N, C-alpha and C. Protein backbone atom coordinates (compact mmCIF):
# COMPACT_ATOMS: atom_id res chain seq x y z
N MET A 1 22.03 -0.07 -104.77
CA MET A 1 20.95 -0.70 -105.49
C MET A 1 20.14 0.41 -106.17
N GLY A 2 19.89 0.26 -107.44
CA GLY A 2 19.16 1.27 -108.19
C GLY A 2 17.66 1.15 -108.00
N ARG A 3 16.97 2.11 -108.56
CA ARG A 3 15.51 2.15 -108.42
C ARG A 3 14.84 0.96 -109.09
N GLN A 4 15.30 0.62 -110.29
CA GLN A 4 14.70 -0.52 -111.01
C GLN A 4 14.93 -1.83 -110.25
N ALA A 5 16.10 -1.99 -109.68
CA ALA A 5 16.40 -3.21 -108.93
C ALA A 5 15.50 -3.32 -107.69
N LYS A 6 15.27 -2.20 -107.04
CA LYS A 6 14.39 -2.22 -105.87
C LYS A 6 12.97 -2.60 -106.27
N LEU A 7 12.51 -2.05 -107.40
CA LEU A 7 11.17 -2.38 -107.88
C LEU A 7 11.06 -3.87 -108.20
N ARG A 8 12.07 -4.41 -108.88
CA ARG A 8 12.06 -5.84 -109.22
C ARG A 8 12.04 -6.69 -107.95
N LYS A 9 12.83 -6.28 -106.97
CA LYS A 9 12.91 -7.03 -105.72
C LYS A 9 11.55 -7.02 -105.00
N ASN A 10 10.91 -5.86 -104.96
CA ASN A 10 9.60 -5.75 -104.31
C ASN A 10 8.55 -6.57 -105.04
N ARG A 11 8.57 -6.54 -106.37
CA ARG A 11 7.60 -7.31 -107.15
C ARG A 11 7.81 -8.81 -106.94
N ALA A 12 9.06 -9.24 -106.91
CA ALA A 12 9.35 -10.66 -106.70
C ALA A 12 8.89 -11.11 -105.32
N ALA A 13 9.10 -10.27 -104.32
CA ALA A 13 8.68 -10.61 -102.96
C ALA A 13 7.15 -10.67 -102.87
N ALA A 14 6.47 -9.80 -103.60
CA ALA A 14 5.01 -9.79 -103.58
C ALA A 14 4.45 -11.03 -104.26
N GLU A 15 5.11 -11.51 -105.30
CA GLU A 15 4.64 -12.71 -105.99
C GLU A 15 4.84 -13.96 -105.15
N LYS A 16 5.91 -14.00 -104.36
CA LYS A 16 6.20 -15.19 -103.56
C LYS A 16 5.21 -15.35 -102.42
N SER A 17 4.82 -14.27 -101.80
CA SER A 17 3.90 -14.36 -100.67
C SER A 17 2.58 -13.68 -101.03
N PRO A 18 1.64 -14.45 -101.59
CA PRO A 18 0.35 -13.83 -101.94
C PRO A 18 -0.41 -13.43 -100.69
N LYS A 19 -1.09 -12.32 -100.77
CA LYS A 19 -1.85 -11.82 -99.63
C LYS A 19 -3.12 -12.64 -99.47
N THR A 20 -3.44 -12.98 -98.25
CA THR A 20 -4.66 -13.73 -97.98
C THR A 20 -5.81 -12.76 -97.82
N GLN A 21 -6.90 -13.08 -98.46
CA GLN A 21 -8.08 -12.24 -98.35
C GLN A 21 -8.94 -12.78 -97.21
N GLU A 22 -9.34 -11.87 -96.35
CA GLU A 22 -10.16 -12.27 -95.21
C GLU A 22 -11.58 -12.55 -95.68
N GLN A 23 -12.15 -13.60 -95.14
CA GLN A 23 -13.54 -13.93 -95.45
C GLN A 23 -14.43 -13.08 -94.55
N SER A 24 -15.19 -12.20 -95.14
CA SER A 24 -16.08 -11.35 -94.35
C SER A 24 -17.52 -11.66 -94.73
N ASP A 25 -18.37 -11.64 -93.74
CA ASP A 25 -19.77 -11.91 -94.02
C ASP A 25 -20.47 -10.63 -94.50
N SER A 26 -21.66 -10.79 -95.03
CA SER A 26 -22.36 -9.67 -95.65
C SER A 26 -22.90 -8.68 -94.63
N THR A 27 -23.00 -9.06 -93.38
CA THR A 27 -23.55 -8.16 -92.37
C THR A 27 -22.47 -7.42 -91.59
N GLN A 28 -21.23 -7.61 -91.94
CA GLN A 28 -20.15 -6.95 -91.22
C GLN A 28 -20.26 -5.43 -91.33
N PHE A 29 -20.62 -4.93 -92.51
CA PHE A 29 -20.76 -3.49 -92.71
C PHE A 29 -21.86 -2.91 -91.81
N VAL A 30 -22.98 -3.61 -91.73
CA VAL A 30 -24.10 -3.13 -90.90
C VAL A 30 -23.71 -3.15 -89.43
N ARG A 31 -23.04 -4.20 -88.99
CA ARG A 31 -22.63 -4.27 -87.59
C ARG A 31 -21.63 -3.16 -87.25
N GLN A 32 -20.74 -2.86 -88.19
CA GLN A 32 -19.77 -1.80 -87.97
C GLN A 32 -20.47 -0.44 -87.84
N LEU A 33 -21.47 -0.19 -88.68
CA LEU A 33 -22.22 1.06 -88.58
C LEU A 33 -22.98 1.14 -87.26
N ASN A 34 -23.54 0.03 -86.81
CA ASN A 34 -24.25 0.02 -85.53
C ASN A 34 -23.30 0.33 -84.38
N ARG A 35 -22.08 -0.18 -84.44
CA ARG A 35 -21.10 0.11 -83.40
C ARG A 35 -20.72 1.59 -83.38
N GLN A 36 -20.78 2.23 -84.56
CA GLN A 36 -20.44 3.65 -84.64
C GLN A 36 -21.59 4.55 -84.23
N GLY A 37 -22.77 3.98 -83.98
CA GLY A 37 -23.89 4.76 -83.49
C GLY A 37 -24.97 5.03 -84.52
N TYR A 38 -24.87 4.44 -85.69
CA TYR A 38 -25.88 4.64 -86.72
C TYR A 38 -26.87 3.48 -86.68
N ASN A 39 -28.14 3.79 -86.90
CA ASN A 39 -29.16 2.77 -86.94
C ASN A 39 -29.82 2.83 -88.31
N LEU A 40 -29.72 1.76 -89.07
CA LEU A 40 -30.22 1.77 -90.44
C LEU A 40 -31.74 1.70 -90.50
N GLN A 41 -32.40 1.28 -89.43
CA GLN A 41 -33.86 1.24 -89.43
C GLN A 41 -34.45 2.63 -89.21
N GLU A 42 -33.72 3.51 -88.56
CA GLU A 42 -34.21 4.85 -88.25
C GLU A 42 -33.34 5.90 -88.95
N ILE A 43 -33.32 5.86 -90.26
CA ILE A 43 -32.49 6.78 -91.03
C ILE A 43 -33.13 8.16 -91.03
N GLN A 44 -32.35 9.17 -90.74
CA GLN A 44 -32.84 10.55 -90.80
C GLN A 44 -32.34 11.15 -92.11
N HIS A 45 -33.25 11.34 -93.05
CA HIS A 45 -32.87 11.87 -94.35
C HIS A 45 -32.64 13.38 -94.26
N SER A 46 -31.83 13.88 -95.16
CA SER A 46 -31.59 15.32 -95.21
C SER A 46 -32.81 16.01 -95.80
N PRO A 47 -33.02 17.28 -95.48
CA PRO A 47 -34.17 17.99 -96.03
C PRO A 47 -34.03 18.16 -97.54
N GLU A 48 -35.18 18.23 -98.21
CA GLU A 48 -35.18 18.38 -99.66
C GLU A 48 -34.73 19.79 -100.05
N ILE A 49 -33.99 19.88 -101.14
CA ILE A 49 -33.54 21.17 -101.65
C ILE A 49 -34.64 21.72 -102.56
N PRO A 50 -35.04 22.97 -102.37
CA PRO A 50 -36.10 23.53 -103.21
C PRO A 50 -35.66 23.62 -104.67
N ASP A 51 -36.62 23.40 -105.59
CA ASP A 51 -36.31 23.45 -107.02
C ASP A 51 -36.17 24.88 -107.52
N SER A 52 -36.93 25.79 -106.96
CA SER A 52 -36.88 27.18 -107.43
C SER A 52 -35.94 28.00 -106.55
N LYS A 53 -35.31 28.98 -107.17
CA LYS A 53 -34.38 29.83 -106.43
C LYS A 53 -35.16 30.97 -105.79
N VAL A 54 -34.97 31.19 -104.52
CA VAL A 54 -35.68 32.22 -103.79
C VAL A 54 -34.88 33.51 -103.90
N ASP A 55 -35.56 34.61 -104.32
CA ASP A 55 -34.89 35.91 -104.41
C ASP A 55 -34.82 36.52 -103.02
N PRO A 56 -33.69 37.11 -102.67
CA PRO A 56 -33.57 37.74 -101.34
C PRO A 56 -34.43 38.99 -101.24
N GLN A 57 -34.97 39.21 -100.06
CA GLN A 57 -35.79 40.40 -99.83
C GLN A 57 -34.90 41.51 -99.31
N VAL A 58 -35.04 42.67 -99.94
CA VAL A 58 -34.19 43.80 -99.55
C VAL A 58 -35.00 44.80 -98.77
C-alpha cells in the first residue's frame, strides 16, 4: 500500500467516525488549577522589572 493510499484510508476512516467533543463547564480550568495547588484568589505576582538599567559598580 502506497503513501497516498494510506492517507486516503485514514481520511475516510476519520470522516466515518466523527470525534465527540466533551462538554466541559467553564469552571473546569479553575478546579484543575486548584487541584494542582494554585489559588487564584491569592495570586503572587512577579516583582516589577526596573525601567532603567543599573550600571555595575567596580
